[in-house]
Amino acid sequence: SKLINGQLSSDFFCNLLAEFEGPSSTGHLTIGARNIREAPGATGAAQLTPSGNVAITINSNNCNDEEENVFAAYETFQHELLHAKIINSLQNYGYDGTLGTIEEAFFKMVNIRYGEDPTQAQHQFMLDFFLDQMVNSLVEINGSGEYSDFLGLVLSGFPDSVLTASGFDLDDRDEIVEHSRVFLKDESNINSQLLECGDAD
């Protein structure tokens, strides 16, 4: 609740959420948690509902993973909000929720913006547009750490095909992800308020 109420957030997170708030909202958003049986390894999902709204579901089955911490939960929520933004934007181009994955939606968005044969540089530009904002958001909410400390957490949420199309070397990605994992495993690197997010307030 601290995230949604803005007590513990970032500008990017608030801007994503604001797209669905107030009289000038571009769509409606529902947020919930449940055991996602159809994708047990997934941390969350965003999808278009039959009524044209966007629903974010956080997989409650993975919320208490000992390898994860509250910071990873924040990134999952931010990641799903970005999915919601993309889904909402794609509705302007006739998207009806039939694409099977957000990976397909990402490629559709790139194709709409750059044409049917986008270059690797154009894929990279789109990925960087989202990537930089997401990583900087994590640095902002944490109040300490460097871009490189959080980059792996964000990269781990993108499918290999998106990273490859954008020019990422997957071996380099694995090293970056490991750096972030080690950094975030040390709770002294994490904003103490984020460690308290499990409390009732």
C-alpha atoms as a PDB file:
ATOM      1  CA  SER A   1       0.000   0.000   0.000  1.00  0.00           C
ATOM      2  CA  LYS A   2       2.963   2.359   0.563  1.00  0.00           C
ATOM      3  CA  LEU A   3       3.735   2.083  -3.151  1.00  0.00           C
ATOM      4  CA  ILE A   4       0.231   2.860  -4.376  1.00  0.00           C
ATOM      5  CA  ASN A   5      -0.261   5.687  -1.857  1.00  0.00           C
ATOM      6  CA  GLY A   6       3.019   7.315  -2.942  1.00  0.00           C
ATOM      7  CA  GLN A   7       4.678   7.076   0.470  1.00  0.00           C
ATOM      8  CA  LEU A   8       7.458   4.940  -0.958  1.00  0.00           C
ATOM      9  CA  SER A   9       7.765   5.320  -4.686  1.00  0.00           C
ATOM     10  CA  SER A  10       9.567   6.862  -7.668  1.00  0.00           C
ATOM     11  CA  ASP A  11       8.551   9.380 -10.321  1.00  0.00           C
ATOM     12  CA  PHE A  12       8.495   6.673 -13.001  1.00  0.00           C
ATOM     13  CA  PHE A  13       6.321   4.379 -10.880  1.00  0.00           C
ATOM     14  CA  CYS A  14       3.913   7.230 -10.090  1.00  0.00           C
ATOM     15  CA  ASN A  15       3.729   8.230 -13.771  1.00  0.00           C
ATOM     16  CA  LEU A  16       2.892   4.651 -14.765  1.00  0.00           C
ATOM     17  CA  LEU A  17       0.201   4.458 -12.108  1.00  0.00           C
ATOM     18  CA  ALA A  18      -1.162   7.924 -12.965  1.00  0.00           C
ATOM     19  CA  GLU A  19      -1.988   6.737 -16.484  1.00  0.00           C
ATOM     20  CA  PHE A  20      -4.864   4.812 -14.883  1.00  0.00           C
ATOM     21  CA  GLU A  21      -6.014   7.429 -12.331  1.00  0.00           C
ATOM     22  CA  GLY A  22      -8.442  10.313 -12.346  1.00  0.00           C
ATOM     23  CA  PRO A  23     -10.830  11.752 -14.954  1.00  0.00           C
ATOM     24  CA  SER A  24      -8.134  11.875 -17.677  1.00  0.00           C
ATOM     25  CA  SER A  25      -7.165   8.225 -17.245  1.00  0.00           C
ATOM     26  CA  THR A  26      -6.546   6.268 -20.420  1.00  0.00           C
ATOM     27  CA  GLY A  27      -8.002   3.065 -19.008  1.00  0.00           C
ATOM     28  CA  HIS A  28      -8.925   1.155 -15.885  1.00  0.00           C
ATOM     29  CA  LEU A  29      -6.542  -0.985 -13.892  1.00  0.00           C
ATOM     30  CA  THR A  30      -7.235  -3.754 -11.420  1.00  0.00           C
ATOM     31  CA  ILE A  31      -4.529  -5.147  -9.152  1.00  0.00           C
ATOM     32  CA  GLY A  32      -4.681  -8.438  -7.298  1.00  0.00           C
ATOM     33  CA  ALA A  33      -2.685 -11.368  -6.013  1.00  0.00           C
ATOM     34  CA  ARG A  34      -3.409 -15.042  -6.522  1.00  0.00           C
ATOM     35  CA  ASN A  35      -1.672 -18.322  -7.215  1.00  0.00           C
ATOM     36  CA  ILE A  36      -1.109 -18.273 -10.994  1.00  0.00           C
ATOM     37  CA  ARG A  37      -1.458 -22.009 -11.584  1.00  0.00           C
ATOM     38  CA  GLU A  38      -1.197 -21.721 -15.357  1.00  0.00           C
ATOM     39  CA  ALA A  39       2.290 -20.152 -14.999  1.00  0.00           C
ATOM     40  CA  PRO A  40       3.663 -21.287 -11.617  1.00  0.00           C
ATOM     41  CA  GLY A  41       7.149 -19.821 -12.194  1.00  0.00           C
ATOM     42  CA  ALA A  42       5.836 -16.383 -13.135  1.00  0.00           C
ATOM     43  CA  THR A  43       6.134 -13.587 -10.589  1.00  0.00           C
ATOM     44  CA  GLY A  44       3.250 -11.653 -12.107  1.00  0.00           C
ATOM     45  CA  ALA A  45       1.114 -11.060 -15.170  1.00  0.00           C
ATOM     46  CA  ALA A  46      -0.684  -8.222 -16.908  1.00  0.00           C
ATOM     47  CA  GLN A  47      -3.508  -8.839 -19.337  1.00  0.00           C
ATOM     48  CA  LEU A  48      -6.377  -7.171 -21.108  1.00  0.00           C
ATOM     49  CA  THR A  49      -9.740  -8.170 -19.664  1.00  0.00           C
ATOM     50  CA  PRO A  50     -12.829  -8.828 -21.818  1.00  0.00           C
ATOM     51  CA  SER A  51     -14.217  -5.459 -20.701  1.00  0.00           C
ATOM     52  CA  GLY A  52     -11.152  -3.624 -22.068  1.00  0.00           C
ATOM     53  CA  ASN A  53      -9.477  -2.948 -18.741  1.00  0.00           C
ATOM     54  CA  VAL A  54      -5.967  -4.034 -17.774  1.00  0.00           C
ATOM     55  CA  ALA A  55      -5.511  -6.447 -14.875  1.00  0.00           C
ATOM     56  CA  ILE A  56      -2.255  -6.976 -12.986  1.00  0.00           C
ATOM     57  CA  THR A  57      -1.921 -10.169 -10.989  1.00  0.00           C
ATOM     58  CA  ILE A  58       1.007 -10.800  -8.658  1.00  0.00           C
ATOM     59  CA  ASN A  59       1.680 -14.510  -8.142  1.00  0.00           C
ATOM     60  CA  SER A  60       1.092 -15.031  -4.412  1.00  0.00           C
ATOM     61  CA  ASN A  61       2.778 -18.413  -4.679  1.00  0.00           C
ATOM     62  CA  ASN A  62       6.144 -16.702  -5.264  1.00  0.00           C
ATOM     63  CA  CYS A  63       5.776 -13.882  -2.753  1.00  0.00           C
ATOM     64  CA  ASN A  64       7.581 -15.698   0.034  1.00  0.00           C
ATOM     65  CA  ASP A  65      10.484 -17.114  -1.975  1.00  0.00           C
ATOM     66  CA  GLU A  66      13.536 -17.009   0.316  1.00  0.00           C
ATOM     67  CA  GLU A  67      15.736 -15.942  -2.617  1.00  0.00           C
ATOM     68  CA  GLU A  68      13.556 -12.877  -3.193  1.00  0.00           C
ATOM     69  CA  ASN A  69      13.092  -9.754  -1.095  1.00  0.00           C
ATOM     70  CA  VAL A  70      10.644  -6.886  -1.017  1.00  0.00           C
ATOM     71  CA  PHE A  71      12.739  -5.008  -3.539  1.00  0.00           C
ATOM     72  CA  ALA A  72      12.203  -7.790  -6.072  1.00  0.00           C
ATOM     73  CA  ALA A  73       8.460  -7.582  -5.370  1.00  0.00           C
ATOM     74  CA  TYR A  74       8.575  -3.832  -6.089  1.00  0.00           C
ATOM     75  CA  GLU A  75      10.376  -4.498  -9.380  1.00  0.00           C
ATOM     76  CA  THR A  76       7.787  -7.154 -10.271  1.00  0.00           C
ATOM     77  CA  PHE A  77       4.982  -4.664  -9.655  1.00  0.00           C
ATOM     78  CA  GLN A  78       6.790  -1.937 -11.630  1.00  0.00           C
ATOM     79  CA  HIS A  79       7.448  -4.423 -14.446  1.00  0.00           C
ATOM     80  CA  GLU A  80       3.774  -5.426 -14.564  1.00  0.00           C
ATOM     81  CA  LEU A  81       2.758  -1.741 -14.569  1.00  0.00           C
ATOM     82  CA  LEU A  82       4.956  -1.279 -17.626  1.00  0.00           C
ATOM     83  CA  HIS A  83       3.208  -4.254 -19.256  1.00  0.00           C
ATOM     84  CA  ALA A  84      -0.104  -2.579 -18.408  1.00  0.00           C
ATOM     85  CA  LYS A  85       1.063   0.657 -20.044  1.00  0.00           C
ATOM     86  CA  ILE A  86       2.128  -1.203 -23.202  1.00  0.00           C
ATOM     87  CA  ILE A  87      -1.145  -3.127 -23.328  1.00  0.00           C
ATOM     88  CA  ASN A  88      -3.107   0.072 -22.809  1.00  0.00           C
ATOM     89  CA  SER A  89      -1.115   1.830 -25.559  1.00  0.00           C
ATOM     90  CA  LEU A  90      -1.557  -1.075 -27.986  1.00  0.00           C
ATOM     91  CA  GLN A  91      -5.338  -0.822 -27.640  1.00  0.00           C
ATOM     92  CA  ASN A  92      -5.027   2.400 -29.666  1.00  0.00           C
ATOM     93  CA  TYR A  93      -3.734   0.247 -32.528  1.00  0.00           C
ATOM     94  CA  GLY A  94      -6.477  -2.354 -32.343  1.00  0.00           C
ATOM     95  CA  TYR A  95      -4.890  -4.726 -29.811  1.00  0.00           C
ATOM     96  CA  ASP A  96      -7.643  -6.941 -28.422  1.00  0.00           C
ATOM     97  CA  GLY A  97      -5.704  -9.052 -25.948  1.00  0.00           C
ATOM     98  CA  THR A  98      -5.183 -11.981 -28.312  1.00  0.00           C
ATOM     99  CA  LEU A  99      -1.383 -11.769 -28.436  1.00  0.00           C
ATOM    100  CA  GLY A 100      -0.090 -14.650 -26.337  1.00  0.00           C
ATOM    101  CA  THR A 101       2.728 -12.840 -24.550  1.00  0.00           C
ATOM    102  CA  ILE A 102       4.022  -9.405 -23.724  1.00  0.00           C
ATOM    103  CA  GLU A 103       7.002 -10.379 -25.884  1.00  0.00           C
ATOM    104  CA  GLU A 104       4.677 -10.357 -28.894  1.00  0.00           C
ATOM    105  CA  ALA A 105       3.222  -7.053 -27.702  1.00  0.00           C
ATOM    106  CA  PHE A 106       6.704  -5.499 -27.439  1.00  0.00           C
ATOM    107  CA  PHE A 107       7.544  -6.537 -30.996  1.00  0.00           C
ATOM    108  CA  LYS A 108       4.158  -5.277 -32.210  1.00  0.00           C
ATOM    109  CA  MET A 109       4.819  -1.903 -30.571  1.00  0.00           C
ATOM    110  CA  VAL A 110       8.266  -1.700 -32.226  1.00  0.00           C
ATOM    111  CA  ASN A 111       6.734  -2.640 -35.598  1.00  0.00           C
ATOM    112  CA  ILE A 112       4.028   0.017 -35.240  1.00  0.00           C
ATOM    113  CA  ARG A 113       6.621   2.648 -34.405  1.00  0.00           C
ATOM    114  CA  TYR A 114       9.307   1.688 -36.938  1.00  0.00           C
ATOM    115  CA  GLY A 115       7.608  -0.434 -39.609  1.00  0.00           C
ATOM    116  CA  GLU A 116       7.548  -4.140 -40.341  1.00  0.00           C
ATOM    117  CA  ASP A 117      11.353  -4.556 -40.510  1.00  0.00           C
ATOM    118  CA  PRO A 118      12.757  -2.582 -37.567  1.00  0.00           C
ATOM    119  CA  THR A 119      16.519  -2.553 -37.156  1.00  0.00           C
ATOM    120  CA  GLN A 120      18.377  -3.827 -34.134  1.00  0.00           C
ATOM    121  CA  ALA A 121      19.117  -0.194 -33.227  1.00  0.00           C
ATOM    122  CA  GLN A 122      15.375   0.554 -33.209  1.00  0.00           C
ATOM    123  CA  HIS A 123      14.710  -2.444 -30.944  1.00  0.00           C
ATOM    124  CA  GLN A 124      17.552  -1.233 -28.708  1.00  0.00           C
ATOM    125  CA  PHE A 125      16.080   2.266 -28.572  1.00  0.00           C
ATOM    126  CA  MET A 126      12.690   0.969 -27.444  1.00  0.00           C
ATOM    127  CA  LEU A 127      14.234  -1.366 -24.871  1.00  0.00           C
ATOM    128  CA  ASP A 128      16.531   1.377 -23.547  1.00  0.00           C
ATOM    129  CA  PHE A 129      13.596   3.786 -23.303  1.00  0.00           C
ATOM    130  CA  PHE A 130      11.900   1.449 -20.825  1.00  0.00           C
ATOM    131  CA  LEU A 131      15.042  -0.061 -19.299  1.00  0.00           C
ATOM    132  CA  ASP A 132      16.662   3.213 -18.236  1.00  0.00           C
ATOM    133  CA  GLN A 133      13.474   4.510 -16.629  1.00  0.00           C
ATOM    134  CA  MET A 134      12.897   1.241 -14.749  1.00  0.00           C
ATOM    135  CA  VAL A 135      16.477   1.012 -13.445  1.00  0.00           C
ATOM    136  CA  ASN A 136      16.568   4.682 -12.444  1.00  0.00           C
ATOM    137  CA  SER A 137      13.237   4.182 -10.671  1.00  0.00           C
ATOM    138  CA  LEU A 138      14.786   1.422  -8.545  1.00  0.00           C
ATOM    139  CA  VAL A 139      17.786   3.607  -7.685  1.00  0.00           C
ATOM    140  CA  GLU A 140      15.385   6.436  -6.764  1.00  0.00           C
ATOM    141  CA  ILE A 141      13.160   4.366  -4.489  1.00  0.00           C
ATOM    142  CA  ASN A 142      16.154   2.738  -2.793  1.00  0.00           C
ATOM    143  CA  GLY A 143      17.929   6.067  -2.258  1.00  0.00           C
ATOM    144  CA  SER A 144      21.361   4.471  -2.731  1.00  0.00           C
ATOM    145  CA  GLY A 145      23.246   2.176  -5.058  1.00  0.00           C
ATOM    146  CA  GLU A 146      24.329   2.599  -8.644  1.00  0.00           C
ATOM    147  CA  TYR A 147      22.589   1.976 -11.971  1.00  0.00           C
ATOM    148  CA  SER A 148      24.699  -1.174 -12.414  1.00  0.00           C
ATOM    149  CA  ASP A 149      23.460  -2.569  -9.082  1.00  0.00           C
ATOM    150  CA  PHE A 150      19.841  -2.684 -10.302  1.00  0.00           C
ATOM    151  CA  LEU A 151      20.263  -3.263 -14.041  1.00  0.00           C
ATOM    152  CA  GLY A 152      20.314  -7.060 -13.681  1.00  0.00           C
ATOM    153  CA  LEU A 153      17.053  -7.129 -11.736  1.00  0.00           C
ATOM    154  CA  VAL A 154      15.307  -5.297 -14.572  1.00  0.00           C
ATOM    155  CA  LEU A 155      17.030  -7.257 -17.368  1.00  0.00           C
ATOM    156  CA  SER A 156      15.961 -10.541 -15.798  1.00  0.00           C
ATOM    157  CA  GLY A 157      12.347  -9.615 -16.535  1.00  0.00           C
ATOM    158  CA  PHE A 158      12.816  -9.314 -20.308  1.00  0.00           C
ATOM    159  CA  PRO A 159      12.586 -12.371 -22.590  1.00  0.00           C
ATOM    160  CA  ASP A 160      15.813 -13.504 -24.259  1.00  0.00           C
ATOM    161  CA  SER A 161      14.332 -12.833 -27.699  1.00  0.00           C
ATOM    162  CA  VAL A 162      13.725  -9.152 -26.858  1.00  0.00           C
ATOM    163  CA  LEU A 163      17.251  -8.771 -25.489  1.00  0.00           C
ATOM    164  CA  THR A 164      18.795 -10.566 -28.473  1.00  0.00           C
ATOM    165  CA  ALA A 165      16.810  -8.451 -30.956  1.00  0.00           C
ATOM    166  CA  SER A 166      18.090  -5.389 -29.089  1.00  0.00           C
ATOM    167  CA  GLY A 167      21.731  -6.459 -29.370  1.00  0.00           C
ATOM    168  CA  PHE A 168      22.298  -7.786 -25.846  1.00  0.00           C
ATOM    169  CA  ASP A 169      24.824 -10.573 -25.348  1.00  0.00           C
ATOM    170  CA  LEU A 170      23.043 -13.093 -23.091  1.00  0.00           C
ATOM    171  CA  ASP A 171      26.293 -14.109 -21.355  1.00  0.00           C
ATOM    172  CA  ASP A 172      26.880 -10.456 -20.445  1.00  0.00           C
ATOM    173  CA  ARG A 173      23.273 -10.279 -19.247  1.00  0.00           C
ATOM    174  CA  ASP A 174      23.853 -13.272 -16.966  1.00  0.00           C
ATOM    175  CA  GLU A 175      26.859 -11.544 -15.343  1.00  0.00           C
ATOM    176  CA  ILE A 176      24.876  -8.334 -14.867  1.00  0.00           C
ATOM    177  CA  VAL A 177      21.969 -10.295 -13.312  1.00  0.00           C
ATOM    178  CA  GLU A 178      24.354 -12.063 -10.922  1.00  0.00           C
ATOM    179  CA  HIS A 179      25.860  -8.726  -9.826  1.00  0.00           C
ATOM    180  CA  SER A 180      22.377  -7.415  -8.995  1.00  0.00           C
ATOM    181  CA  ARG A 181      21.430 -10.634  -7.201  1.00  0.00           C
ATOM    182  CA  VAL A 182      24.501 -10.410  -4.935  1.00  0.00           C
ATOM    183  CA  PHE A 183      23.934  -6.691  -4.292  1.00  0.00           C
ATOM    184  CA  LEU A 184      20.261  -7.122  -3.379  1.00  0.00           C
ATOM    185  CA  LYS A 185      20.844 -10.224  -1.251  1.00  0.00           C
ATOM    186  CA  ASP A 186      22.775  -8.007   1.197  1.00  0.00           C
ATOM    187  CA  GLU A 187      19.950  -6.270   3.089  1.00  0.00           C
ATOM    188  CA  SER A 188      22.300  -3.469   4.154  1.00  0.00           C
ATOM    189  CA  ASN A 189      22.117  -2.288   0.515  1.00  0.00           C
ATOM    190  CA  ILE A 190      18.312  -1.966   0.626  1.00  0.00           C
ATOM    191  CA  ASN A 191      16.261   0.989   1.884  1.00  0.00           C
ATOM    192  CA  SER A 192      15.100  -0.016   5.359  1.00  0.00           C
ATOM    193  CA  GLN A 193      11.536   1.095   4.540  1.00  0.00           C
ATOM    194  CA  LEU A 194      11.458  -1.482   1.745  1.00  0.00           C
ATOM    195  CA  LEU A 195      12.459  -4.168   4.218  1.00  0.00           C
ATOM    196  CA  GLU A 196       9.483  -3.142   6.380  1.00  0.00           C
ATOM    197  CA  CYS A 197       6.907  -3.310   3.564  1.00  0.00           C
ATOM    198  CA  GLY A 198       5.582  -6.616   4.792  1.00  0.00           C
ATOM    199  CA  ASP A 199       4.218  -4.894   7.922  1.00  0.00           C
ATOM    200  CA  ALA A 200       0.519  -4.117   8.128  1.00  0.00           C
ATOM    201  CA  ASP A 201       0.914  -0.332   7.825  1.00  0.00           C
END
